[in-house]
Amino acid sequence: MHQKKLTVEELLAKAKKPGEDALKLHPFYKGKIEIVPKCVIRDFNDFAIWYTPGVAKPCREIEKDKEKVYENTNKWNTVAVVSDGTRVLGLGDIGPEAALPVMEGKALLFKYLGGVDAFPICLDTKNKEEIITAVKWLQPSFGGINLEDIEKPKCFYVLERLRKEMEIPVWHDDQQGTAAITLAGVFNALKIVGKDIDKVKISMIGAGAANMAIARLLILAGALP
């Protein structure tokens, strides 16, 4: 059954409703994510296990072997969603506070679709060196860093530096995330038409952070430059 093709006017009208609903529901919930305990809490004896004095034992274990932080805390499953608010969606440089709803939304996707605990961190600086320093300071608490909505060319420099200087995985979602999903779409399209990636011409509009990463990944996957 073929769906009716919508006109531009109909598409624009359809796109208004999510925005109207968002203005009602964001204030209603006052945020899209929350932190809740994952361990059993039945009485004050449990508090003694999860906090003082019991918590001192795993602290000592981690002090002796830093890698045990992954066994004794949620670091292994926690990602920081970091932005400076300089390139948010199609809105541009709207600042860290205005970027927070988007970062909360990305944290929601991490948890709901992947089971990964993510926390939004919007930095009140546009200086690339300060961003790098701030993110490096987060390393003890997080198992990975998801950079988000940072303007180019700064995003390239920040990603490269952090990947070299940090022990935990770092990626820029606007680059690697978009490239990964685009490659998946290309593979599926090629299956439908029965063609190989090195036998088709792929056109790209623009040379932003996303398209540059997409181009690199497509070439790695076998597309001709």
N, C-alpha and C. Protein backbone atom coordinates (compact mmCIF):
# COMPACT_ATOMS: atom_id res chain seq x y z
N MET A 1 0.85 -1.19 0.00
CA MET A 1 0.00 0.00 0.00
C MET A 1 0.89 1.25 0.00
N HIS A 2 0.70 2.10 -1.00
CA HIS A 2 1.52 3.29 -1.13
C HIS A 2 0.96 4.45 -0.30
N GLN A 3 1.85 5.08 0.44
CA GLN A 3 1.43 6.24 1.22
C GLN A 3 1.41 7.48 0.32
N LYS A 4 0.48 8.35 0.60
CA LYS A 4 0.38 9.60 -0.15
C LYS A 4 1.62 10.45 0.10
N LYS A 5 2.22 10.95 -0.98
CA LYS A 5 3.39 11.81 -0.85
C LYS A 5 2.95 13.19 -0.37
N LEU A 6 3.54 13.61 0.75
CA LEU A 6 3.16 14.89 1.34
C LEU A 6 3.83 16.05 0.62
N THR A 7 3.13 17.16 0.55
CA THR A 7 3.71 18.37 -0.02
C THR A 7 4.64 19.02 0.99
N VAL A 8 5.44 19.97 0.54
CA VAL A 8 6.34 20.69 1.44
C VAL A 8 5.56 21.37 2.55
N GLU A 9 4.45 21.97 2.19
CA GLU A 9 3.62 22.65 3.19
C GLU A 9 3.08 21.68 4.23
N GLU A 10 2.68 20.49 3.77
CA GLU A 10 2.15 19.48 4.69
C GLU A 10 3.25 18.95 5.61
N LEU A 11 4.45 18.78 5.07
CA LEU A 11 5.57 18.32 5.89
C LEU A 11 5.92 19.34 6.96
N LEU A 12 5.94 20.63 6.58
CA LEU A 12 6.24 21.69 7.55
C LEU A 12 5.18 21.76 8.63
N ALA A 13 3.92 21.59 8.24
CA ALA A 13 2.83 21.62 9.22
C ALA A 13 2.93 20.43 10.17
N LYS A 14 3.31 19.27 9.60
CA LYS A 14 3.45 18.06 10.43
C LYS A 14 4.59 18.21 11.43
N ALA A 15 5.64 18.92 11.02
CA ALA A 15 6.81 19.09 11.89
C ALA A 15 6.54 20.03 13.05
N LYS A 16 5.49 20.83 12.98
CA LYS A 16 5.19 21.78 14.05
C LYS A 16 4.71 21.10 15.32
N LYS A 17 3.99 19.98 15.18
CA LYS A 17 3.36 19.36 16.34
C LYS A 17 4.36 18.88 17.39
N PRO A 18 5.46 18.17 17.00
CA PRO A 18 6.42 17.77 18.03
C PRO A 18 6.97 18.95 18.82
N GLY A 19 7.20 20.08 18.13
CA GLY A 19 7.69 21.27 18.83
C GLY A 19 6.67 21.82 19.80
N GLU A 20 5.41 21.84 19.38
CA GLU A 20 4.35 22.32 20.27
C GLU A 20 4.20 21.41 21.49
N ASP A 21 4.28 20.10 21.25
CA ASP A 21 4.19 19.14 22.36
C ASP A 21 5.39 19.27 23.30
N ALA A 22 6.58 19.52 22.71
CA ALA A 22 7.79 19.64 23.51
C ALA A 22 7.70 20.81 24.48
N LEU A 23 7.10 21.91 24.03
CA LEU A 23 6.97 23.09 24.90
C LEU A 23 6.05 22.82 26.09
N LYS A 24 5.14 21.88 25.94
CA LYS A 24 4.25 21.51 27.04
C LYS A 24 4.89 20.47 27.97
N LEU A 25 5.54 19.47 27.37
CA LEU A 25 6.00 18.32 28.14
C LEU A 25 7.34 18.54 28.84
N HIS A 26 8.23 19.36 28.25
CA HIS A 26 9.51 19.62 28.93
C HIS A 26 9.30 20.29 30.29
N PRO A 27 8.48 21.35 30.38
CA PRO A 27 8.24 21.93 31.71
C PRO A 27 7.48 20.99 32.64
N PHE A 28 6.63 20.13 32.08
CA PHE A 28 5.86 19.21 32.91
C PHE A 28 6.77 18.23 33.64
N TYR A 29 7.72 17.63 32.89
CA TYR A 29 8.62 16.64 33.49
C TYR A 29 9.85 17.28 34.13
N LYS A 30 10.14 18.53 33.75
CA LYS A 30 11.33 19.23 34.26
C LYS A 30 12.60 18.40 34.04
N GLY A 31 12.79 17.96 32.83
CA GLY A 31 13.95 17.15 32.48
C GLY A 31 13.53 15.76 32.03
N LYS A 32 14.39 15.12 31.21
CA LYS A 32 14.05 13.83 30.62
C LYS A 32 14.74 12.65 31.29
N ILE A 33 15.70 12.92 32.15
CA ILE A 33 16.46 11.84 32.78
C ILE A 33 16.54 12.07 34.28
N GLU A 34 16.86 10.99 35.02
CA GLU A 34 17.07 11.09 36.46
C GLU A 34 18.03 9.99 36.89
N ILE A 35 18.57 10.12 38.10
CA ILE A 35 19.46 9.11 38.67
C ILE A 35 18.71 8.37 39.77
N VAL A 36 18.66 7.05 39.66
CA VAL A 36 17.99 6.24 40.69
C VAL A 36 18.94 5.13 41.14
N PRO A 37 18.84 4.66 42.40
CA PRO A 37 19.70 3.57 42.87
C PRO A 37 19.42 2.27 42.12
N LYS A 38 20.47 1.46 41.86
CA LYS A 38 20.30 0.17 41.21
C LYS A 38 20.48 -0.99 42.20
N CYS A 39 20.93 -0.68 43.42
CA CYS A 39 21.16 -1.73 44.43
C CYS A 39 19.96 -1.81 45.38
N VAL A 40 19.93 -2.90 46.15
CA VAL A 40 18.84 -3.12 47.11
C VAL A 40 19.02 -2.22 48.33
N ILE A 41 17.97 -1.51 48.71
CA ILE A 41 17.98 -0.69 49.93
C ILE A 41 16.73 -1.05 50.74
N ARG A 42 16.95 -1.84 51.81
CA ARG A 42 15.82 -2.30 52.62
C ARG A 42 15.76 -1.60 53.97
N ASP A 43 16.93 -1.32 54.54
CA ASP A 43 16.95 -0.69 55.86
C ASP A 43 18.30 0.02 56.04
N PHE A 44 18.56 0.47 57.27
CA PHE A 44 19.80 1.21 57.54
C PHE A 44 21.04 0.33 57.40
N ASN A 45 20.90 -0.98 57.53
CA ASN A 45 22.05 -1.87 57.34
C ASN A 45 22.57 -1.79 55.90
N ASP A 46 21.65 -1.64 54.96
CA ASP A 46 22.07 -1.51 53.56
C ASP A 46 22.81 -0.20 53.32
N PHE A 47 22.39 0.86 53.99
CA PHE A 47 23.13 2.12 53.88
C PHE A 47 24.58 1.94 54.35
N ALA A 48 24.78 1.11 55.37
CA ALA A 48 26.12 0.86 55.89
C ALA A 48 26.99 0.10 54.89
N ILE A 49 26.35 -0.65 53.98
CA ILE A 49 27.09 -1.37 52.94
C ILE A 49 27.44 -0.43 51.79
N TRP A 50 26.43 0.28 51.31
CA TRP A 50 26.60 1.11 50.12
C TRP A 50 27.31 2.42 50.42
N TYR A 51 27.24 2.89 51.66
CA TYR A 51 27.96 4.09 52.05
C TYR A 51 28.83 3.73 53.25
N THR A 52 29.11 4.66 54.11
CA THR A 52 30.03 4.39 55.21
C THR A 52 29.40 3.50 56.29
N PRO A 53 30.13 2.54 56.88
CA PRO A 53 31.58 2.32 56.73
C PRO A 53 31.97 1.34 55.62
N GLY A 54 30.97 0.56 55.10
CA GLY A 54 31.29 -0.51 54.16
C GLY A 54 31.98 -0.06 52.89
N VAL A 55 31.63 1.11 52.39
CA VAL A 55 32.16 1.57 51.11
C VAL A 55 33.67 1.76 51.13
N ALA A 56 34.27 1.87 52.31
CA ALA A 56 35.72 2.05 52.40
C ALA A 56 36.48 0.87 51.81
N LYS A 57 35.91 -0.33 51.89
CA LYS A 57 36.60 -1.53 51.38
C LYS A 57 36.81 -1.47 49.87
N PRO A 58 35.77 -1.26 49.06
CA PRO A 58 36.02 -1.13 47.63
C PRO A 58 36.90 0.06 47.27
N CYS A 59 36.84 1.12 48.08
CA CYS A 59 37.73 2.27 47.84
C CYS A 59 39.19 1.83 47.95
N ARG A 60 39.50 1.04 48.97
CA ARG A 60 40.86 0.54 49.16
C ARG A 60 41.28 -0.38 48.02
N GLU A 61 40.35 -1.21 47.54
CA GLU A 61 40.65 -2.11 46.43
C GLU A 61 41.01 -1.32 45.17
N ILE A 62 40.25 -0.28 44.91
CA ILE A 62 40.52 0.55 43.73
C ILE A 62 41.82 1.33 43.89
N GLU A 63 42.11 1.74 45.12
CA GLU A 63 43.37 2.44 45.38
C GLU A 63 44.56 1.56 45.02
N LYS A 64 44.46 0.26 45.31
CA LYS A 64 45.54 -0.68 45.01
C LYS A 64 45.61 -1.02 43.52
N ASP A 65 44.46 -1.07 42.87
CA ASP A 65 44.39 -1.42 41.45
C ASP A 65 43.31 -0.57 40.79
N LYS A 66 43.73 0.46 40.07
CA LYS A 66 42.79 1.43 39.49
C LYS A 66 41.76 0.78 38.57
N GLU A 67 42.14 -0.33 37.92
CA GLU A 67 41.23 -0.98 36.98
C GLU A 67 40.01 -1.58 37.68
N LYS A 68 40.10 -1.79 38.99
CA LYS A 68 38.97 -2.36 39.72
C LYS A 68 37.80 -1.38 39.86
N VAL A 69 38.01 -0.13 39.42
CA VAL A 69 36.91 0.83 39.41
C VAL A 69 35.80 0.34 38.48
N TYR A 70 36.19 -0.44 37.45
CA TYR A 70 35.19 -0.96 36.51
C TYR A 70 34.37 -2.09 37.11
N GLU A 71 34.90 -2.76 38.13
CA GLU A 71 34.17 -3.84 38.79
C GLU A 71 33.31 -3.32 39.94
N ASN A 72 33.72 -2.25 40.57
CA ASN A 72 33.09 -1.80 41.81
C ASN A 72 32.20 -0.56 41.65
N THR A 73 32.18 0.03 40.47
CA THR A 73 31.34 1.22 40.25
C THR A 73 30.64 1.10 38.89
N ASN A 74 29.84 2.08 38.58
CA ASN A 74 29.12 2.10 37.31
C ASN A 74 29.91 2.80 36.21
N LYS A 75 31.19 3.05 36.45
CA LYS A 75 32.01 3.71 35.42
C LYS A 75 31.96 2.96 34.10
N TRP A 76 31.95 1.64 34.15
CA TRP A 76 32.00 0.82 32.94
C TRP A 76 30.82 1.09 32.01
N ASN A 77 29.70 1.55 32.57
CA ASN A 77 28.48 1.72 31.77
C ASN A 77 28.00 3.18 31.76
N THR A 78 28.90 4.11 32.03
CA THR A 78 28.51 5.52 32.11
C THR A 78 29.27 6.36 31.08
N VAL A 79 28.52 7.14 30.33
CA VAL A 79 29.09 7.99 29.28
C VAL A 79 28.74 9.45 29.56
N ALA A 80 29.69 10.34 29.35
CA ALA A 80 29.43 11.77 29.45
C ALA A 80 29.09 12.32 28.07
N VAL A 81 27.96 13.00 27.96
CA VAL A 81 27.57 13.66 26.72
C VAL A 81 27.98 15.13 26.85
N VAL A 82 29.06 15.50 26.17
CA VAL A 82 29.71 16.80 26.40
C VAL A 82 29.52 17.73 25.20
N SER A 83 29.11 18.97 25.49
CA SER A 83 28.94 19.97 24.44
C SER A 83 29.31 21.35 24.97
N ASP A 84 29.70 22.22 24.05
CA ASP A 84 29.89 23.64 24.41
C ASP A 84 28.77 24.50 23.84
N GLY A 85 27.80 23.85 23.19
CA GLY A 85 26.63 24.57 22.68
C GLY A 85 26.88 25.45 21.47
N THR A 86 27.97 25.19 20.72
CA THR A 86 28.31 26.08 19.62
C THR A 86 27.75 25.65 18.26
N ARG A 87 27.26 24.41 18.17
CA ARG A 87 26.73 23.94 16.87
C ARG A 87 25.60 22.95 17.15
N VAL A 88 24.52 23.45 17.72
CA VAL A 88 23.43 22.59 18.20
C VAL A 88 22.37 22.41 17.12
N LEU A 89 22.21 21.16 16.66
CA LEU A 89 21.24 20.85 15.62
C LEU A 89 21.37 21.86 14.48
N GLY A 90 20.27 22.45 14.04
CA GLY A 90 20.34 23.50 13.02
C GLY A 90 20.21 24.88 13.64
N LEU A 91 20.38 24.94 14.97
CA LEU A 91 20.16 26.20 15.69
C LEU A 91 21.42 27.04 15.80
N GLY A 92 22.59 26.43 15.60
CA GLY A 92 23.83 27.17 15.67
C GLY A 92 24.37 27.32 17.08
N ASP A 93 25.02 28.45 17.33
CA ASP A 93 25.66 28.72 18.63
C ASP A 93 24.61 29.30 19.57
N ILE A 94 23.99 28.43 20.37
CA ILE A 94 22.91 28.87 21.27
C ILE A 94 23.33 28.85 22.73
N GLY A 95 24.58 28.43 23.02
CA GLY A 95 25.06 28.45 24.39
C GLY A 95 24.80 27.15 25.14
N PRO A 96 25.54 26.95 26.24
CA PRO A 96 25.46 25.68 26.97
C PRO A 96 24.11 25.41 27.62
N GLU A 97 23.47 26.43 28.17
CA GLU A 97 22.18 26.20 28.83
C GLU A 97 21.12 25.77 27.81
N ALA A 98 21.07 26.46 26.68
CA ALA A 98 20.08 26.14 25.65
C ALA A 98 20.37 24.79 24.99
N ALA A 99 21.62 24.34 25.08
CA ALA A 99 21.98 23.03 24.52
C ALA A 99 21.57 21.87 25.42
N LEU A 100 21.29 22.16 26.68
CA LEU A 100 21.03 21.09 27.66
C LEU A 100 19.87 20.18 27.28
N PRO A 101 18.73 20.69 26.76
CA PRO A 101 17.66 19.77 26.37
C PRO A 101 18.09 18.74 25.33
N VAL A 102 18.96 19.15 24.40
CA VAL A 102 19.45 18.23 23.39
C VAL A 102 20.34 17.17 24.02
N MET A 103 21.23 17.59 24.93
CA MET A 103 22.12 16.63 25.57
C MET A 103 21.35 15.66 26.47
N GLU A 104 20.31 16.16 27.14
CA GLU A 104 19.44 15.26 27.90
C GLU A 104 18.77 14.26 26.96
N GLY A 105 18.35 14.74 25.80
CA GLY A 105 17.72 13.85 24.83
C GLY A 105 18.67 12.77 24.35
N LYS A 106 19.93 13.11 24.12
CA LYS A 106 20.91 12.12 23.71
C LYS A 106 21.16 11.11 24.83
N ALA A 107 21.21 11.59 26.08
CA ALA A 107 21.35 10.68 27.22
C ALA A 107 20.17 9.73 27.30
N LEU A 108 18.97 10.23 27.02
CA LEU A 108 17.77 9.40 27.00
C LEU A 108 17.91 8.29 25.96
N LEU A 109 18.41 8.62 24.77
CA LEU A 109 18.58 7.62 23.71
C LEU A 109 19.58 6.55 24.12
N PHE A 110 20.69 6.97 24.73
CA PHE A 110 21.69 6.01 25.20
C PHE A 110 21.05 4.98 26.12
N LYS A 111 20.25 5.45 27.08
CA LYS A 111 19.67 4.57 28.08
C LYS A 111 18.55 3.72 27.51
N TYR A 112 17.64 4.36 26.79
CA TYR A 112 16.44 3.65 26.33
C TYR A 112 16.76 2.65 25.22
N LEU A 113 17.65 3.02 24.32
CA LEU A 113 17.94 2.17 23.17
C LEU A 113 19.16 1.27 23.37
N GLY A 114 20.08 1.67 24.25
CA GLY A 114 21.30 0.88 24.42
C GLY A 114 21.59 0.40 25.81
N GLY A 115 20.81 0.83 26.80
CA GLY A 115 21.05 0.41 28.18
C GLY A 115 22.27 1.06 28.81
N VAL A 116 22.78 2.11 28.18
CA VAL A 116 23.97 2.80 28.69
C VAL A 116 23.54 4.03 29.48
N ASP A 117 24.09 4.19 30.68
CA ASP A 117 23.80 5.37 31.49
C ASP A 117 24.63 6.55 30.97
N ALA A 118 23.96 7.62 30.61
CA ALA A 118 24.66 8.79 30.07
C ALA A 118 24.22 10.03 30.83
N PHE A 119 25.15 10.98 30.95
CA PHE A 119 24.86 12.20 31.70
C PHE A 119 25.27 13.41 30.88
N PRO A 120 24.39 14.40 30.73
CA PRO A 120 24.72 15.59 29.93
C PRO A 120 25.62 16.55 30.69
N ILE A 121 26.66 17.02 30.01
CA ILE A 121 27.57 18.01 30.60
C ILE A 121 27.79 19.11 29.57
N CYS A 122 27.24 20.29 29.83
CA CYS A 122 27.39 21.43 28.93
C CYS A 122 28.40 22.41 29.53
N LEU A 123 29.46 22.66 28.80
CA LEU A 123 30.57 23.46 29.29
C LEU A 123 30.40 24.94 28.93
N ASP A 124 30.66 25.80 29.90
CA ASP A 124 30.53 27.24 29.70
C ASP A 124 31.85 27.83 29.22
N THR A 125 32.32 27.31 28.09
CA THR A 125 33.53 27.83 27.45
C THR A 125 33.51 27.44 25.99
N LYS A 126 34.08 28.29 25.15
CA LYS A 126 34.23 27.99 23.73
C LYS A 126 35.70 27.75 23.37
N ASN A 127 36.55 27.88 24.37
CA ASN A 127 37.99 27.73 24.16
C ASN A 127 38.34 26.25 24.04
N LYS A 128 38.98 25.88 22.95
CA LYS A 128 39.25 24.46 22.70
C LYS A 128 40.17 23.84 23.75
N GLU A 129 41.14 24.60 24.23
CA GLU A 129 42.05 24.06 25.24
C GLU A 129 41.33 23.85 26.57
N GLU A 130 40.42 24.77 26.92
CA GLU A 130 39.65 24.61 28.15
C GLU A 130 38.69 23.43 28.05
N ILE A 131 38.12 23.22 26.87
CA ILE A 131 37.25 22.06 26.67
C ILE A 131 38.04 20.77 26.86
N ILE A 132 39.21 20.70 26.27
CA ILE A 132 40.06 19.51 26.39
C ILE A 132 40.41 19.26 27.85
N THR A 133 40.81 20.30 28.55
CA THR A 133 41.16 20.16 29.97
C THR A 133 39.98 19.67 30.79
N ALA A 134 38.81 20.28 30.57
CA ALA A 134 37.61 19.91 31.33
C ALA A 134 37.22 18.46 31.10
N VAL A 135 37.26 18.02 29.85
CA VAL A 135 36.89 16.64 29.53
C VAL A 135 37.88 15.66 30.14
N LYS A 136 39.15 16.00 30.12
CA LYS A 136 40.16 15.11 30.73
C LYS A 136 39.94 14.98 32.23
N TRP A 137 39.46 16.04 32.87
CA TRP A 137 39.17 15.97 34.30
C TRP A 137 38.01 15.01 34.59
N LEU A 138 37.17 14.75 33.61
CA LEU A 138 36.02 13.85 33.81
C LEU A 138 36.39 12.37 33.75
N GLN A 139 37.59 12.07 33.29
CA GLN A 139 37.98 10.69 33.02
C GLN A 139 37.78 9.73 34.18
N PRO A 140 38.07 10.08 35.44
CA PRO A 140 37.88 9.12 36.53
C PRO A 140 36.44 8.66 36.72
N SER A 141 35.47 9.46 36.29
CA SER A 141 34.06 9.17 36.58
C SER A 141 33.31 8.49 35.44
N PHE A 142 33.87 8.52 34.23
CA PHE A 142 33.12 8.02 33.08
C PHE A 142 33.90 6.95 32.32
N GLY A 143 33.15 6.02 31.70
CA GLY A 143 33.77 4.97 30.90
C GLY A 143 33.97 5.38 29.46
N GLY A 144 33.34 6.47 29.04
CA GLY A 144 33.47 6.95 27.67
C GLY A 144 33.00 8.38 27.56
N ILE A 145 33.42 9.05 26.48
CA ILE A 145 33.03 10.44 26.23
C ILE A 145 32.36 10.54 24.87
N ASN A 146 31.17 11.12 24.86
CA ASN A 146 30.45 11.40 23.61
C ASN A 146 30.44 12.91 23.40
N LEU A 147 31.28 13.39 22.50
CA LEU A 147 31.28 14.81 22.16
C LEU A 147 30.08 15.11 21.27
N GLU A 148 29.46 16.24 21.48
CA GLU A 148 28.20 16.53 20.78
C GLU A 148 28.09 18.02 20.44
N ASP A 149 27.71 18.30 19.22
CA ASP A 149 27.35 19.66 18.81
C ASP A 149 28.41 20.70 19.15
N ILE A 150 29.64 20.41 18.74
CA ILE A 150 30.76 21.34 18.86
C ILE A 150 31.11 21.82 17.45
N GLU A 151 31.24 23.13 17.27
CA GLU A 151 31.45 23.69 15.94
C GLU A 151 32.75 23.22 15.31
N LYS A 152 32.78 23.20 13.98
CA LYS A 152 34.02 22.90 13.26
C LYS A 152 34.73 24.22 12.95
N PRO A 153 36.06 24.22 12.80
CA PRO A 153 36.96 23.06 12.82
C PRO A 153 37.40 22.63 14.23
N LYS A 154 36.90 23.32 15.24
CA LYS A 154 37.30 23.01 16.62
C LYS A 154 37.04 21.56 16.98
N CYS A 155 35.93 21.01 16.49
CA CYS A 155 35.56 19.64 16.86
C CYS A 155 36.62 18.63 16.43
N PHE A 156 37.28 18.87 15.28
CA PHE A 156 38.31 17.94 14.81
C PHE A 156 39.51 17.95 15.75
N TYR A 157 39.93 19.15 16.11
CA TYR A 157 41.09 19.30 17.00
C TYR A 157 40.83 18.70 18.37
N VAL A 158 39.66 19.00 18.94
CA VAL A 158 39.32 18.50 20.27
C VAL A 158 39.27 16.98 20.28
N LEU A 159 38.63 16.39 19.27
CA LEU A 159 38.53 14.93 19.21
C LEU A 159 39.90 14.28 19.09
N GLU A 160 40.72 14.80 18.20
CA GLU A 160 42.05 14.21 17.99
C GLU A 160 42.90 14.28 19.26
N ARG A 161 42.90 15.42 19.92
CA ARG A 161 43.68 15.57 21.15
C ARG A 161 43.19 14.62 22.24
N LEU A 162 41.89 14.58 22.45
CA LEU A 162 41.34 13.76 23.53
C LEU A 162 41.59 12.28 23.28
N ARG A 163 41.50 11.85 22.04
CA ARG A 163 41.76 10.43 21.73
C ARG A 163 43.21 10.06 22.02
N LYS A 164 44.10 11.00 21.81
CA LYS A 164 45.52 10.74 22.07
C LYS A 164 45.84 10.77 23.56
N GLU A 165 45.15 11.63 24.31
CA GLU A 165 45.55 11.92 25.68
C GLU A 165 44.70 11.25 26.75
N MET A 166 43.62 10.57 26.36
CA MET A 166 42.75 9.93 27.35
C MET A 166 42.82 8.41 27.25
N GLU A 167 42.52 7.74 28.36
CA GLU A 167 42.57 6.29 28.40
C GLU A 167 41.22 5.66 28.05
N ILE A 168 40.14 6.43 28.09
CA ILE A 168 38.81 5.91 27.80
C ILE A 168 38.40 6.29 26.38
N PRO A 169 37.45 5.57 25.79
CA PRO A 169 37.02 5.87 24.41
C PRO A 169 36.39 7.26 24.31
N VAL A 170 36.72 7.95 23.22
CA VAL A 170 36.14 9.27 22.93
C VAL A 170 35.68 9.27 21.47
N TRP A 171 34.46 9.72 21.25
CA TRP A 171 34.01 9.90 19.88
C TRP A 171 33.16 11.15 19.76
N HIS A 172 33.07 11.64 18.54
CA HIS A 172 32.25 12.82 18.25
C HIS A 172 31.03 12.33 17.49
N ASP A 173 29.88 12.38 18.13
CA ASP A 173 28.68 11.77 17.55
C ASP A 173 28.31 12.37 16.21
N ASP A 174 28.53 13.66 16.04
CA ASP A 174 28.19 14.30 14.77
C ASP A 174 29.06 13.77 13.63
N GLN A 175 30.23 13.23 13.97
CA GLN A 175 31.09 12.62 12.96
C GLN A 175 30.87 11.11 12.91
N GLN A 176 31.37 10.40 13.92
CA GLN A 176 31.35 8.94 13.89
C GLN A 176 29.93 8.36 13.96
N GLY A 177 29.08 8.95 14.79
CA GLY A 177 27.71 8.43 14.91
C GLY A 177 26.95 8.56 13.60
N THR A 178 27.03 9.75 13.00
CA THR A 178 26.34 9.98 11.73
C THR A 178 26.92 9.12 10.62
N ALA A 179 28.24 8.97 10.62
CA ALA A 179 28.89 8.16 9.58
C ALA A 179 28.48 6.70 9.69
N ALA A 180 28.40 6.18 10.90
CA ALA A 180 28.05 4.77 11.10
C ALA A 180 26.64 4.48 10.60
N ILE A 181 25.69 5.34 10.95
CA ILE A 181 24.31 5.10 10.54
C ILE A 181 24.13 5.32 9.04
N THR A 182 24.91 6.24 8.46
CA THR A 182 24.85 6.46 7.01
C THR A 182 25.38 5.25 6.27
N LEU A 183 26.50 4.69 6.74
CA LEU A 183 27.06 3.50 6.11
C LEU A 183 26.08 2.34 6.16
N ALA A 184 25.39 2.19 7.29
CA ALA A 184 24.38 1.13 7.41
C ALA A 184 23.28 1.33 6.37
N GLY A 185 22.85 2.59 6.20
CA GLY A 185 21.82 2.88 5.21
C GLY A 185 22.28 2.59 3.79
N VAL A 186 23.54 2.93 3.49
CA VAL A 186 24.10 2.67 2.16
C VAL A 186 24.15 1.17 1.91
N PHE A 187 24.63 0.40 2.89
CA PHE A 187 24.70 -1.06 2.73
C PHE A 187 23.32 -1.65 2.45
N ASN A 188 22.32 -1.21 3.19
CA ASN A 188 20.96 -1.72 2.98
C ASN A 188 20.42 -1.33 1.61
N ALA A 189 20.71 -0.10 1.18
CA ALA A 189 20.27 0.34 -0.15
C ALA A 189 20.94 -0.49 -1.24
N LEU A 190 22.22 -0.79 -1.07
CA LEU A 190 22.95 -1.60 -2.06
C LEU A 190 22.39 -3.01 -2.14
N LYS A 191 21.98 -3.56 -1.00
CA LYS A 191 21.36 -4.89 -1.01
C LYS A 191 20.07 -4.89 -1.83
N ILE A 192 19.29 -3.83 -1.68
CA ILE A 192 18.00 -3.74 -2.38
C ILE A 192 18.20 -3.69 -3.90
N VAL A 193 19.19 -2.91 -4.34
CA VAL A 193 19.41 -2.75 -5.79
C VAL A 193 20.40 -3.77 -6.34
N GLY A 194 21.01 -4.58 -5.46
CA GLY A 194 21.92 -5.62 -5.90
C GLY A 194 23.22 -5.11 -6.49
N LYS A 195 23.80 -4.09 -5.88
CA LYS A 195 25.05 -3.52 -6.38
C LYS A 195 26.11 -3.52 -5.29
N ASP A 196 27.38 -3.41 -5.72
CA ASP A 196 28.51 -3.32 -4.80
C ASP A 196 28.88 -1.86 -4.57
N ILE A 197 29.46 -1.59 -3.40
CA ILE A 197 29.75 -0.21 -3.03
C ILE A 197 30.79 0.43 -3.95
N ASP A 198 31.68 -0.39 -4.53
CA ASP A 198 32.71 0.18 -5.41
C ASP A 198 32.22 0.34 -6.85
N LYS A 199 30.94 0.03 -7.08
CA LYS A 199 30.39 0.15 -8.44
C LYS A 199 29.35 1.27 -8.54
N VAL A 200 29.17 2.02 -7.47
CA VAL A 200 28.17 3.09 -7.49
C VAL A 200 28.84 4.44 -7.22
N LYS A 201 28.18 5.49 -7.67
CA LYS A 201 28.65 6.85 -7.42
C LYS A 201 27.84 7.43 -6.26
N ILE A 202 28.51 7.91 -5.23
CA ILE A 202 27.84 8.47 -4.06
C ILE A 202 28.11 9.97 -4.02
N SER A 203 27.05 10.76 -4.06
CA SER A 203 27.19 12.21 -4.03
C SER A 203 26.89 12.74 -2.64
N MET A 204 27.63 13.75 -2.23
CA MET A 204 27.45 14.35 -0.91
C MET A 204 27.34 15.86 -1.06
N ILE A 205 26.43 16.45 -0.32
CA ILE A 205 26.22 17.89 -0.36
C ILE A 205 26.79 18.51 0.91
N GLY A 206 27.81 19.36 0.76
CA GLY A 206 28.41 20.00 1.92
C GLY A 206 29.66 19.28 2.39
N ALA A 207 30.48 19.99 3.16
CA ALA A 207 31.73 19.43 3.67
C ALA A 207 31.88 19.76 5.15
N GLY A 208 30.82 19.52 5.90
CA GLY A 208 30.85 19.73 7.34
C GLY A 208 31.47 18.56 8.06
N ALA A 209 31.42 18.59 9.38
CA ALA A 209 32.01 17.53 10.19
C ALA A 209 31.40 16.17 9.87
N ALA A 210 30.08 16.13 9.71
CA ALA A 210 29.40 14.86 9.44
C ALA A 210 29.82 14.29 8.09
N ASN A 211 29.73 15.09 7.03
CA ASN A 211 30.04 14.59 5.70
C ASN A 211 31.50 14.19 5.54
N MET A 212 32.40 14.88 6.21
CA MET A 212 33.81 14.51 6.13
C MET A 212 34.04 13.14 6.75
N ALA A 213 33.39 12.88 7.89
CA ALA A 213 33.51 11.57 8.53
C ALA A 213 32.82 10.49 7.71
N ILE A 214 31.66 10.83 7.13
CA ILE A 214 30.95 9.88 6.28
C ILE A 214 31.81 9.48 5.09
N ALA A 215 32.44 10.47 4.45
CA ALA A 215 33.29 10.19 3.29
C ALA A 215 34.43 9.26 3.65
N ARG A 216 35.09 9.53 4.78
CA ARG A 216 36.20 8.67 5.20
C ARG A 216 35.74 7.24 5.44
N LEU A 217 34.59 7.08 6.11
CA LEU A 217 34.10 5.74 6.42
C LEU A 217 33.64 5.00 5.17
N LEU A 218 33.00 5.71 4.24
CA LEU A 218 32.57 5.08 2.99
C LEU A 218 33.78 4.57 2.20
N ILE A 219 34.85 5.36 2.18
CA ILE A 219 36.07 4.94 1.48
C ILE A 219 36.68 3.72 2.15
N LEU A 220 36.71 3.72 3.48
CA LEU A 220 37.21 2.55 4.21
C LEU A 220 36.38 1.30 3.92
N ALA A 221 35.07 1.52 3.66
CA ALA A 221 34.17 0.40 3.40
C ALA A 221 34.25 -0.08 1.95
N GLY A 222 35.02 0.64 1.12
CA GLY A 222 35.20 0.18 -0.25
C GLY A 222 34.72 1.12 -1.33
N ALA A 223 34.10 2.24 -0.95
CA ALA A 223 33.64 3.20 -1.96
C ALA A 223 34.85 3.86 -2.63
N LEU A 224 34.69 4.21 -3.89
CA LEU A 224 35.78 4.86 -4.60
C LEU A 224 35.82 6.35 -4.26
N PRO A 225 37.02 6.90 -3.99
CA PRO A 225 37.11 8.32 -3.65
C PRO A 225 36.71 9.21 -4.83
